[in-house]
Amino acid sequence: MKSITINGSQRESVGKKATKALRNAGQVPCVLYGGDQNVHFSAPELAFSKLVYTPNAHTVVIALNNGETFDAVLQDIQFHPVTDKILHVDFYRLFEDKEIAMDIPVHIIGTSRGVLNGGVLRRNRRKLRVKALPKNLPDFLEADITPLKIGNKLYVTALAGEGYSLLHSDNTVVVQIKTARTAVIDDEDEDDELEEGAEGTAAATEGGDAPAAEAPAQE
């Protein structure tokens, strides 16, 4: 997985006055959790643009002015309710031998037969929760919709892979093709239905004589 480096400065004071002063100076107060001790630091707001304002998933390298570096993932972020300025960011420290759970984006590939026939693609899950060692975290998960016909669903099991596990039930729907008024019947679907009907009729005939038609009622 790709990593973004954030250069920060360790915070000596963590009170309200110090936090307000940091924000007035264009700095964002941050906390790194998950180690023996929490690490308080600050970084310029612009340093978070590639991490926050993107649909992609990234790990983070936090490089402090005292020479320390930490591998981490974004855990939580707080925005101002009016200005949308970043108020506070929480990170969680990564360790090579410990699995981490993270939301990974789903990329759609292929062109669905159902969509070509007028169906509507519905994305039920744009991200999936993945658990893995840091080195095995994928940048994204691929959902191939090429074989999907109208009415078909793609379940989370189709996106399983080696090195990571998906933290969702097997019946979780990632994408589905919904019918629409302008949709047309797939020729192959129609042929399949005709073949199934012919096989059913043949089986009934082989099993015995066809039932006689009822005689018209006597007046």
Protein backbone atom coordinates (compact mmCIF):
# COMPACT_ATOMS: atom_id res chain seq x y z
CA MET A 1 0.00 0.00 0.00
CA LYS A 2 1.19 3.51 -0.81
CA SER A 3 2.35 5.68 2.06
CA ILE A 4 2.18 9.42 2.70
CA THR A 5 4.75 11.22 4.84
CA ILE A 6 3.56 13.87 7.28
CA ASN A 7 6.23 16.06 8.82
CA GLY A 8 5.26 17.27 12.28
CA SER A 9 6.49 18.76 15.50
CA GLN A 10 6.14 17.14 18.88
CA ARG A 11 3.81 19.03 21.20
CA GLU A 12 5.04 20.01 24.64
CA SER A 13 1.70 21.43 25.84
CA VAL A 14 -1.66 19.78 25.21
CA GLY A 15 -4.03 22.18 26.97
CA LYS A 16 -6.84 24.16 25.37
CA LYS A 17 -4.81 27.37 25.12
CA ALA A 18 -1.91 25.60 23.41
CA THR A 19 -4.29 23.83 21.03
CA LYS A 20 -6.02 27.10 20.11
CA ALA A 21 -2.67 28.75 19.48
CA LEU A 22 -1.66 25.91 17.15
CA ARG A 23 -4.84 26.26 15.11
CA ASN A 24 -4.42 30.02 14.87
CA ALA A 25 -0.94 29.36 13.45
CA GLY A 26 -2.33 27.01 10.75
CA GLN A 27 -1.26 23.87 12.59
CA VAL A 28 -3.44 20.81 13.29
CA PRO A 29 -3.11 19.09 16.69
CA CYS A 30 -2.72 15.30 16.37
CA VAL A 31 -2.41 12.25 18.59
CA LEU A 32 -0.78 8.91 17.75
CA TYR A 33 -2.28 5.98 19.66
CA GLY A 34 -1.30 2.32 19.88
CA GLY A 35 2.17 2.44 21.35
CA ASP A 36 3.48 2.31 24.90
CA GLN A 37 2.65 6.00 25.19
CA ASN A 38 0.48 8.33 23.16
CA VAL A 39 2.45 10.76 20.99
CA HIS A 40 1.12 14.33 20.72
CA PHE A 41 2.28 16.36 17.74
CA SER A 42 1.13 18.96 15.25
CA ALA A 43 1.47 19.40 11.49
CA PRO A 44 0.46 22.03 8.90
CA GLU A 45 -3.10 21.64 7.62
CA LEU A 46 -1.87 21.38 4.02
CA ALA A 47 0.09 18.25 4.98
CA PHE A 48 -3.19 16.32 5.23
CA SER A 49 -4.61 17.18 1.79
CA LYS A 50 -3.36 14.01 0.07
CA LEU A 51 -4.50 11.87 2.99
CA VAL A 52 -7.97 13.28 3.65
CA TYR A 53 -9.28 14.59 0.34
CA THR A 54 -8.90 11.38 -1.65
CA PRO A 55 -10.94 8.19 -2.14
CA ASN A 56 -7.76 6.10 -1.98
CA ALA A 57 -6.41 4.33 1.09
CA HIS A 58 -2.94 5.12 2.40
CA THR A 59 -0.72 4.35 5.31
CA VAL A 60 1.18 7.21 6.92
CA VAL A 61 4.77 7.84 7.95
CA ILE A 62 4.84 10.43 10.73
CA ALA A 63 8.23 12.15 10.78
CA LEU A 64 8.78 14.36 13.82
CA ASN A 65 11.28 17.19 14.21
CA ASN A 66 13.09 15.25 16.95
CA GLY A 67 14.11 12.55 14.47
CA GLU A 68 11.49 9.95 15.44
CA THR A 69 9.36 8.28 12.77
CA PHE A 70 6.23 6.16 13.15
CA ASP A 71 4.18 4.05 10.73
CA ALA A 72 0.49 4.67 11.22
CA VAL A 73 -3.01 4.78 9.72
CA LEU A 74 -5.64 7.48 9.98
CA GLN A 75 -8.10 6.60 12.72
CA ASP A 76 -10.32 9.66 13.12
CA ILE A 77 -10.55 13.23 11.92
CA GLN A 78 -12.61 16.15 13.19
CA PHE A 79 -13.76 19.06 11.02
CA HIS A 80 -15.14 22.46 11.95
CA PRO A 81 -18.95 22.29 11.42
CA VAL A 82 -19.03 25.57 9.48
CA THR A 83 -15.66 26.11 7.80
CA ASP A 84 -14.73 22.42 7.32
CA LYS A 85 -11.23 23.20 8.56
CA ILE A 86 -9.43 20.24 10.12
CA LEU A 87 -9.58 20.58 13.90
CA HIS A 88 -7.94 17.40 15.13
CA VAL A 89 -6.54 14.13 13.73
CA ASP A 90 -6.05 10.77 15.46
CA PHE A 91 -3.66 8.14 14.15
CA TYR A 92 -3.11 4.52 15.13
CA ARG A 93 0.40 3.11 15.13
CA LEU A 94 1.30 0.18 12.87
CA PHE A 95 3.50 -2.75 13.79
CA GLU A 96 4.84 -5.21 11.21
CA ASP A 97 3.72 -8.26 13.19
CA LYS A 98 0.24 -7.02 14.14
CA GLU A 99 -2.81 -7.09 11.89
CA ILE A 100 -4.77 -3.90 11.36
CA ALA A 101 -8.36 -3.33 10.15
CA MET A 102 -8.81 -0.67 7.50
CA ASP A 103 -11.45 0.50 5.00
CA ILE A 104 -10.25 -0.27 1.45
CA PRO A 105 -11.91 1.27 -1.64
CA VAL A 106 -13.60 -0.97 -4.23
CA HIS A 107 -12.72 -0.35 -7.89
CA ILE A 108 -15.20 -1.45 -10.55
CA ILE A 109 -13.70 -3.07 -13.66
CA GLY A 110 -15.33 -4.45 -16.80
CA THR A 111 -18.63 -3.66 -18.49
CA SER A 112 -21.72 -5.50 -17.32
CA ARG A 113 -23.95 -7.29 -19.84
CA GLY A 114 -26.90 -6.16 -17.78
CA VAL A 115 -25.89 -2.50 -18.04
CA LEU A 116 -25.45 -2.83 -21.81
CA ASN A 117 -29.02 -4.13 -21.94
CA GLY A 118 -30.37 -1.12 -20.06
CA GLY A 119 -29.96 -2.24 -16.47
CA VAL A 120 -28.76 0.08 -13.71
CA LEU A 121 -25.55 -0.52 -11.78
CA ARG A 122 -26.01 -0.01 -8.05
CA ARG A 123 -22.95 0.19 -5.81
CA ASN A 124 -23.92 -1.10 -2.38
CA ARG A 125 -20.39 -0.92 -0.98
CA ARG A 126 -17.78 1.59 -2.11
CA LYS A 127 -15.37 0.48 0.62
CA LEU A 128 -14.84 -2.80 2.45
CA ARG A 129 -13.32 -3.45 5.86
CA VAL A 130 -10.12 -5.45 5.45
CA LYS A 131 -7.89 -7.01 8.11
CA ALA A 132 -4.26 -7.82 7.35
CA LEU A 133 -0.66 -7.26 8.29
CA PRO A 134 0.48 -3.80 7.14
CA LYS A 135 2.58 -5.26 4.31
CA ASN A 136 -0.45 -7.18 2.95
CA LEU A 137 -2.95 -4.32 2.92
CA PRO A 138 -4.14 -3.83 -0.68
CA ASP A 139 -4.39 -0.37 -2.25
CA PHE A 140 -7.87 -1.29 -3.51
CA LEU A 141 -10.13 -4.26 -4.23
CA GLU A 142 -11.27 -5.06 -7.78
CA ALA A 143 -14.88 -5.98 -8.52
CA ASP A 144 -15.28 -7.42 -12.03
CA ILE A 145 -18.86 -6.80 -13.18
CA THR A 146 -18.41 -8.15 -16.73
CA PRO A 147 -20.54 -11.34 -16.31
CA LEU A 148 -23.37 -9.68 -14.36
CA LYS A 149 -26.78 -9.76 -16.03
CA ILE A 150 -29.91 -7.87 -15.03
CA GLY A 151 -30.92 -9.03 -11.56
CA ASN A 152 -27.47 -10.42 -10.70
CA LYS A 153 -25.51 -9.51 -7.57
CA LEU A 154 -21.80 -9.58 -6.82
CA TYR A 155 -21.10 -10.74 -3.28
CA VAL A 156 -18.14 -9.90 -1.09
CA THR A 157 -16.81 -13.46 -1.43
CA ALA A 158 -15.85 -12.66 -5.04
CA LEU A 159 -13.30 -10.14 -3.78
CA ALA A 160 -11.49 -12.48 -1.39
CA GLY A 161 -7.72 -12.81 -1.78
CA GLU A 162 -4.57 -14.09 -0.15
CA GLY A 163 -2.94 -12.22 2.70
CA TYR A 164 -6.03 -10.45 3.96
CA SER A 165 -9.51 -11.21 5.26
CA LEU A 166 -12.75 -9.34 4.63
CA LEU A 167 -14.66 -8.37 7.76
CA HIS A 168 -18.11 -8.82 6.23
CA SER A 169 -20.63 -11.65 6.09
CA ASP A 170 -20.58 -13.77 2.94
CA ASN A 171 -24.00 -12.50 1.83
CA THR A 172 -22.86 -8.85 1.74
CA VAL A 173 -23.68 -7.40 -1.70
CA VAL A 174 -20.98 -5.20 -3.23
CA VAL A 175 -22.73 -4.31 -6.51
CA GLN A 176 -25.91 -5.39 -8.29
CA ILE A 177 -27.62 -4.80 -11.62
CA LYS A 178 -31.14 -3.50 -11.16
CA THR A 179 -33.79 -3.70 -13.86
CA ALA A 180 -35.15 -0.58 -15.52
CA ARG A 181 -38.07 0.29 -17.79
CA THR A 182 -35.75 0.67 -20.74
CA ALA A 183 -34.03 -2.68 -20.13
CA VAL A 184 -34.17 -5.38 -22.83
CA ILE A 185 -34.06 -9.15 -22.48
CA ASP A 186 -30.64 -10.65 -22.98
CA ASP A 187 -30.77 -13.03 -25.98
CA GLU A 188 -28.75 -15.64 -24.08
CA ASP A 189 -31.09 -15.38 -21.10
CA GLU A 190 -34.06 -15.95 -23.37
CA ASP A 191 -32.38 -18.96 -25.01
CA ASP A 192 -31.61 -20.41 -21.57
CA GLU A 193 -35.24 -20.09 -20.50
CA LEU A 194 -36.46 -21.78 -23.70
CA GLU A 195 -33.99 -24.65 -23.24
CA GLU A 196 -35.04 -25.12 -19.62
CA GLY A 197 -38.69 -25.18 -20.66
CA ALA A 198 -38.02 -27.75 -23.40
CA GLU A 199 -36.10 -29.97 -20.99
CA GLY A 200 -38.93 -29.80 -18.47
CA THR A 201 -41.51 -30.83 -21.09
CA ALA A 202 -39.36 -33.72 -22.32
CA ALA A 203 -38.87 -34.98 -18.79
CA ALA A 204 -42.61 -34.94 -18.13
CA THR A 205 -43.29 -36.89 -21.34
CA GLU A 206 -40.68 -39.54 -20.56
CA GLY A 207 -42.13 -40.01 -17.08
CA GLY A 208 -45.49 -41.23 -18.47
CA ASP A 209 -48.40 -40.39 -20.73
CA ALA A 210 -49.53 -36.85 -20.71
CA PRO A 211 -52.74 -36.38 -18.72
CA ALA A 212 -55.86 -36.48 -20.87
CA ALA A 213 -57.75 -33.27 -21.34
CA GLU A 214 -60.93 -32.99 -19.30
CA ALA A 215 -64.10 -33.73 -21.21
CA PRO A 216 -66.49 -30.80 -21.62
CA ALA A 217 -69.22 -30.74 -19.03
CA GLN A 218 -72.61 -32.20 -20.06
CA GLU A 219 -75.42 -29.72 -20.15
